[in-house]
Amino acid sequence: MSRHELDQLILDEAAEDARSAVWEFDSARIWLDEARQRPMEPLAAEVWVTDPGAKYIVLVKHRVRGWVPPGGEVERYETPRQGAARELLEETGLRVELHAEPAAVTVRSYRPDLSPTLGLSYTATVERDAPLVGEQGQPAAWFDLDTEWDSVFPEDRERIRAHARRLTAGRRPGSS
């Protein structure tokens, strides 16, 4: 398989996850359709890890962005789902199965000098007693979803809370 064909397969999987995401923000699906017509910035992926009661979330302390869900840039030759799982492991030490249904798709710039890019948010459920092992200088911690946390993406708090309410209403990702 050529590099171009592999890139296309990865973009196709990202587009499928974007279409099946529960929540869409920033007209992300339209943005992706247009962006696929030209060279794109790298994709981003993160994981919203909650406890079984969906009352707490795992966040990592980023040196610039504040407290954010574990995530980052999707590496070449990995799908957004694979990138999310890798970033989760690197930033928290958690190796868990992500829920089948992506939680959200959004478009944002992660640094002022970068063009906007597509970000996919996946979810996972972990018991709160699972040990968190953050990267050096980037601790990971559980946060009560009813509290505020410092982040350059303050809109994420309500987005994550809305998804947690959806989870506790019995509509687990992947269920009908």
C-alpha atoms as a PDB file:
ATOM      1  CA  MET A   1       0.000   0.000   0.000  1.00  0.00           C
ATOM      2  CA  SER A   2       1.370   3.418  -0.937  1.00  0.00           C
ATOM      3  CA  ARG A   3       1.788   6.254   1.549  1.00  0.00           C
ATOM      4  CA  HIS A   4      -0.985   8.205  -0.202  1.00  0.00           C
ATOM      5  CA  GLU A   5      -3.366   5.234   0.020  1.00  0.00           C
ATOM      6  CA  LEU A   6      -2.599   4.788   3.712  1.00  0.00           C
ATOM      7  CA  ASP A   7      -3.127   8.514   4.367  1.00  0.00           C
ATOM      8  CA  GLN A   8      -6.458   8.269   2.561  1.00  0.00           C
ATOM      9  CA  LEU A   9      -7.561   5.244   4.635  1.00  0.00           C
ATOM     10  CA  ILE A  10      -6.705   7.075   7.866  1.00  0.00           C
ATOM     11  CA  LEU A  11      -8.610  10.178   6.735  1.00  0.00           C
ATOM     12  CA  ASP A  12     -11.568   7.988   5.760  1.00  0.00           C
ATOM     13  CA  GLU A  13     -11.618   6.465   9.247  1.00  0.00           C
ATOM     14  CA  ALA A  14     -11.393   9.929  10.819  1.00  0.00           C
ATOM     15  CA  ALA A  15     -14.325  11.058   8.656  1.00  0.00           C
ATOM     16  CA  GLU A  16     -16.354   8.000   9.690  1.00  0.00           C
ATOM     17  CA  ASP A  17     -15.662   8.688  13.383  1.00  0.00           C
ATOM     18  CA  ALA A  18     -16.588  12.350  12.839  1.00  0.00           C
ATOM     19  CA  ARG A  19     -19.900  11.293  11.252  1.00  0.00           C
ATOM     20  CA  SER A  20     -20.704   8.904  14.100  1.00  0.00           C
ATOM     21  CA  ALA A  21     -19.712  11.248  16.964  1.00  0.00           C
ATOM     22  CA  VAL A  22     -22.528  11.981  19.391  1.00  0.00           C
ATOM     23  CA  TRP A  23     -21.789  15.711  19.500  1.00  0.00           C
ATOM     24  CA  GLU A  24     -20.585  18.036  16.747  1.00  0.00           C
ATOM     25  CA  PHE A  25     -19.116  21.452  17.506  1.00  0.00           C
ATOM     26  CA  ASP A  26     -17.797  24.237  15.267  1.00  0.00           C
ATOM     27  CA  SER A  27     -19.427  22.764  12.119  1.00  0.00           C
ATOM     28  CA  ALA A  28     -16.618  20.198  12.277  1.00  0.00           C
ATOM     29  CA  ARG A  29     -18.102  17.766   9.750  1.00  0.00           C
ATOM     30  CA  ILE A  30     -18.428  20.458   7.081  1.00  0.00           C
ATOM     31  CA  TRP A  31     -14.936  21.738   7.932  1.00  0.00           C
ATOM     32  CA  LEU A  32     -13.518  18.213   7.500  1.00  0.00           C
ATOM     33  CA  ASP A  33     -15.189  17.711   4.122  1.00  0.00           C
ATOM     34  CA  GLU A  34     -13.658  20.984   2.900  1.00  0.00           C
ATOM     35  CA  ALA A  35     -10.269  20.364   4.539  1.00  0.00           C
ATOM     36  CA  ARG A  36      -9.871  16.984   2.849  1.00  0.00           C
ATOM     37  CA  GLN A  37      -9.559  18.814  -0.476  1.00  0.00           C
ATOM     38  CA  ARG A  38      -6.114  20.197   0.504  1.00  0.00           C
ATOM     39  CA  PRO A  39      -3.153  19.224   2.691  1.00  0.00           C
ATOM     40  CA  MET A  40      -4.342  19.115   6.295  1.00  0.00           C
ATOM     41  CA  GLU A  41      -2.778  19.905   9.632  1.00  0.00           C
ATOM     42  CA  PRO A  42      -2.364  16.780  11.772  1.00  0.00           C
ATOM     43  CA  LEU A  43      -5.498  15.440  13.407  1.00  0.00           C
ATOM     44  CA  ALA A  44      -5.952  15.610  17.182  1.00  0.00           C
ATOM     45  CA  ALA A  45      -7.566  13.058  19.485  1.00  0.00           C
ATOM     46  CA  GLU A  46      -8.383  12.963  23.185  1.00  0.00           C
ATOM     47  CA  VAL A  47     -10.168  10.735  25.673  1.00  0.00           C
ATOM     48  CA  TRP A  48     -12.854  11.770  28.136  1.00  0.00           C
ATOM     49  CA  VAL A  49     -12.236   9.216  30.899  1.00  0.00           C
ATOM     50  CA  THR A  50     -14.988   9.087  33.507  1.00  0.00           C
ATOM     51  CA  ASP A  51     -15.656   6.866  36.482  1.00  0.00           C
ATOM     52  CA  PRO A  52     -18.569   4.367  36.207  1.00  0.00           C
ATOM     53  CA  GLY A  53     -20.993   6.914  37.733  1.00  0.00           C
ATOM     54  CA  ALA A  54     -19.807   9.610  35.287  1.00  0.00           C
ATOM     55  CA  LYS A  55     -19.274  12.033  38.170  1.00  0.00           C
ATOM     56  CA  TYR A  56     -15.492  12.430  37.760  1.00  0.00           C
ATOM     57  CA  ILE A  57     -13.140  12.926  34.826  1.00  0.00           C
ATOM     58  CA  VAL A  58      -9.414  12.397  34.363  1.00  0.00           C
ATOM     59  CA  LEU A  59      -7.556  15.538  33.305  1.00  0.00           C
ATOM     60  CA  VAL A  60      -3.884  16.264  32.717  1.00  0.00           C
ATOM     61  CA  LYS A  61      -2.124  19.530  33.522  1.00  0.00           C
ATOM     62  CA  HIS A  62      -0.725  20.870  30.243  1.00  0.00           C
ATOM     63  CA  ARG A  63       1.979  23.507  30.644  1.00  0.00           C
ATOM     64  CA  VAL A  64       0.119  26.002  28.418  1.00  0.00           C
ATOM     65  CA  ARG A  65      -3.507  24.821  28.106  1.00  0.00           C
ATOM     66  CA  GLY A  66      -4.205  24.145  31.785  1.00  0.00           C
ATOM     67  CA  TRP A  67      -6.255  21.082  32.780  1.00  0.00           C
ATOM     68  CA  VAL A  68      -7.392  19.187  29.690  1.00  0.00           C
ATOM     69  CA  PRO A  69      -8.437  15.639  28.789  1.00  0.00           C
ATOM     70  CA  PRO A  70      -5.509  13.378  27.851  1.00  0.00           C
ATOM     71  CA  GLY A  71      -4.806  13.677  24.157  1.00  0.00           C
ATOM     72  CA  GLY A  72      -2.666  15.164  21.457  1.00  0.00           C
ATOM     73  CA  GLU A  73      -1.582  14.925  17.866  1.00  0.00           C
ATOM     74  CA  VAL A  74      -2.396  11.787  15.918  1.00  0.00           C
ATOM     75  CA  GLU A  75       0.851  10.356  14.579  1.00  0.00           C
ATOM     76  CA  ARG A  76       1.326   9.484  10.945  1.00  0.00           C
ATOM     77  CA  TYR A  77       0.118   5.934  10.201  1.00  0.00           C
ATOM     78  CA  GLU A  78      -2.269   5.721  13.165  1.00  0.00           C
ATOM     79  CA  THR A  79      -5.997   6.316  13.213  1.00  0.00           C
ATOM     80  CA  PRO A  80      -7.480   8.955  15.525  1.00  0.00           C
ATOM     81  CA  ARG A  81      -8.780   6.154  17.792  1.00  0.00           C
ATOM     82  CA  GLN A  82      -5.291   4.606  17.983  1.00  0.00           C
ATOM     83  CA  GLY A  83      -3.783   8.041  18.639  1.00  0.00           C
ATOM     84  CA  ALA A  84      -6.277   8.714  21.438  1.00  0.00           C
ATOM     85  CA  ALA A  85      -5.479   5.379  23.109  1.00  0.00           C
ATOM     86  CA  ARG A  86      -1.715   5.987  22.768  1.00  0.00           C
ATOM     87  CA  GLU A  87      -1.956   9.517  24.198  1.00  0.00           C
ATOM     88  CA  LEU A  88      -4.098   8.230  27.086  1.00  0.00           C
ATOM     89  CA  LEU A  89      -1.481   5.607  27.923  1.00  0.00           C
ATOM     90  CA  GLU A  90       1.428   8.076  27.618  1.00  0.00           C
ATOM     91  CA  GLU A  91      -0.223  10.810  29.694  1.00  0.00           C
ATOM     92  CA  THR A  92      -1.978   8.761  32.393  1.00  0.00           C
ATOM     93  CA  GLY A  93      -0.650   5.199  32.294  1.00  0.00           C
ATOM     94  CA  LEU A  94      -4.202   3.969  31.583  1.00  0.00           C
ATOM     95  CA  ARG A  95      -4.558   1.179  29.049  1.00  0.00           C
ATOM     96  CA  VAL A  96      -8.306   0.790  28.517  1.00  0.00           C
ATOM     97  CA  GLU A  97     -10.724  -0.009  25.742  1.00  0.00           C
ATOM     98  CA  LEU A  98     -12.343   3.096  24.306  1.00  0.00           C
ATOM     99  CA  HIS A  99     -16.116   3.106  23.890  1.00  0.00           C
ATOM    100  CA  ALA A 100     -17.225   2.272  20.345  1.00  0.00           C
ATOM    101  CA  GLU A 101     -19.027   5.552  19.694  1.00  0.00           C
ATOM    102  CA  PRO A 102     -16.901   8.728  19.563  1.00  0.00           C
ATOM    103  CA  ALA A 103     -18.161  11.423  21.927  1.00  0.00           C
ATOM    104  CA  ALA A 104     -17.465  14.563  19.928  1.00  0.00           C
ATOM    105  CA  VAL A 105     -15.851  16.150  16.925  1.00  0.00           C
ATOM    106  CA  THR A 106     -14.619  19.733  16.945  1.00  0.00           C
ATOM    107  CA  VAL A 107     -12.345  22.144  15.106  1.00  0.00           C
ATOM    108  CA  ARG A 108      -9.842  24.253  17.005  1.00  0.00           C
ATOM    109  CA  SER A 109      -6.340  25.608  16.955  1.00  0.00           C
ATOM    110  CA  TYR A 110      -4.159  24.166  19.684  1.00  0.00           C
ATOM    111  CA  ARG A 111      -1.573  26.956  19.427  1.00  0.00           C
ATOM    112  CA  PRO A 112      -1.840  30.510  18.095  1.00  0.00           C
ATOM    113  CA  ASP A 113       0.712  29.738  15.363  1.00  0.00           C
ATOM    114  CA  LEU A 114      -1.145  26.636  14.098  1.00  0.00           C
ATOM    115  CA  SER A 115      -4.025  26.378  11.672  1.00  0.00           C
ATOM    116  CA  PRO A 116      -7.267  24.907  12.990  1.00  0.00           C
ATOM    117  CA  THR A 117      -7.458  21.136  12.916  1.00  0.00           C
ATOM    118  CA  LEU A 118     -10.028  18.432  13.494  1.00  0.00           C
ATOM    119  CA  GLY A 119     -10.182  16.941  16.971  1.00  0.00           C
ATOM    120  CA  LEU A 120     -12.002  13.750  17.882  1.00  0.00           C
ATOM    121  CA  SER A 121     -13.012  13.021  21.482  1.00  0.00           C
ATOM    122  CA  TYR A 122     -13.411   9.400  22.526  1.00  0.00           C
ATOM    123  CA  THR A 123     -14.613   8.096  25.880  1.00  0.00           C
ATOM    124  CA  ALA A 124     -13.653   5.398  28.334  1.00  0.00           C
ATOM    125  CA  THR A 125     -14.809   4.315  31.771  1.00  0.00           C
ATOM    126  CA  VAL A 126     -12.316   3.535  34.537  1.00  0.00           C
ATOM    127  CA  GLU A 127     -12.670   2.892  38.247  1.00  0.00           C
ATOM    128  CA  ARG A 128     -11.375   5.833  40.294  1.00  0.00           C
ATOM    129  CA  ASP A 129      -8.908   3.620  42.131  1.00  0.00           C
ATOM    130  CA  ALA A 130      -6.990   2.934  38.885  1.00  0.00           C
ATOM    131  CA  PRO A 131      -3.502   4.406  39.347  1.00  0.00           C
ATOM    132  CA  LEU A 132      -2.749   7.493  37.265  1.00  0.00           C
ATOM    133  CA  VAL A 133       0.827   7.966  36.111  1.00  0.00           C
ATOM    134  CA  GLY A 134       1.240  11.358  34.465  1.00  0.00           C
ATOM    135  CA  GLU A 135       4.164  12.380  32.301  1.00  0.00           C
ATOM    136  CA  GLN A 136       6.938  14.364  33.956  1.00  0.00           C
ATOM    137  CA  GLY A 137       5.721  17.931  34.467  1.00  0.00           C
ATOM    138  CA  GLN A 138       2.231  16.998  33.329  1.00  0.00           C
ATOM    139  CA  PRO A 139       0.351  15.394  36.248  1.00  0.00           C
ATOM    140  CA  ALA A 140      -2.924  13.532  35.794  1.00  0.00           C
ATOM    141  CA  ALA A 141      -5.761  13.791  38.319  1.00  0.00           C
ATOM    142  CA  TRP A 142      -9.454  13.060  38.825  1.00  0.00           C
ATOM    143  CA  PHE A 143     -11.757  16.107  38.852  1.00  0.00           C
ATOM    144  CA  ASP A 144     -15.352  16.243  40.075  1.00  0.00           C
ATOM    145  CA  LEU A 145     -17.447  17.214  37.052  1.00  0.00           C
ATOM    146  CA  ASP A 146     -19.403  19.674  39.203  1.00  0.00           C
ATOM    147  CA  THR A 147     -16.269  21.749  39.865  1.00  0.00           C
ATOM    148  CA  GLU A 148     -14.513  24.249  37.650  1.00  0.00           C
ATOM    149  CA  TRP A 149     -11.017  23.676  36.307  1.00  0.00           C
ATOM    150  CA  ASP A 150      -8.598  26.066  34.654  1.00  0.00           C
ATOM    151  CA  SER A 151      -8.376  25.447  30.900  1.00  0.00           C
ATOM    152  CA  VAL A 152      -7.873  27.444  27.719  1.00  0.00           C
ATOM    153  CA  PHE A 153     -10.897  25.537  26.413  1.00  0.00           C
ATOM    154  CA  PRO A 154     -13.537  26.437  29.039  1.00  0.00           C
ATOM    155  CA  GLU A 155     -16.344  25.341  26.704  1.00  0.00           C
ATOM    156  CA  ASP A 156     -15.111  21.756  27.134  1.00  0.00           C
ATOM    157  CA  ARG A 157     -16.381  21.648  30.718  1.00  0.00           C
ATOM    158  CA  GLU A 158     -20.035  21.884  29.684  1.00  0.00           C
ATOM    159  CA  ARG A 159     -19.516  19.630  26.660  1.00  0.00           C
ATOM    160  CA  ILE A 160     -18.048  16.909  28.877  1.00  0.00           C
ATOM    161  CA  ARG A 161     -20.741  17.430  31.509  1.00  0.00           C
ATOM    162  CA  ALA A 162     -23.465  17.079  28.865  1.00  0.00           C
ATOM    163  CA  HIS A 163     -21.925  13.835  27.696  1.00  0.00           C
ATOM    164  CA  ALA A 164     -21.675  12.575  31.283  1.00  0.00           C
ATOM    165  CA  ARG A 165     -25.392  13.335  31.749  1.00  0.00           C
ATOM    166  CA  ARG A 166     -26.072  11.338  28.601  1.00  0.00           C
ATOM    167  CA  LEU A 167     -24.077   8.428  30.023  1.00  0.00           C
ATOM    168  CA  THR A 168     -25.889   8.481  33.341  1.00  0.00           C
ATOM    169  CA  ALA A 169     -29.245   8.613  31.570  1.00  0.00           C
ATOM    170  CA  GLY A 170     -28.525   5.041  30.462  1.00  0.00           C
ATOM    171  CA  ARG A 171     -27.449   5.777  26.932  1.00  0.00           C
ATOM    172  CA  ARG A 172     -23.970   4.295  27.057  1.00  0.00           C
ATOM    173  CA  PRO A 173     -21.838   4.909  23.950  1.00  0.00           C
ATOM    174  CA  GLY A 174     -22.432   2.152  21.450  1.00  0.00           C
ATOM    175  CA  SER A 175     -25.951   1.354  22.705  1.00  0.00           C
ATOM    176  CA  SER A 176     -29.177   2.070  20.881  1.00  0.00           C
END
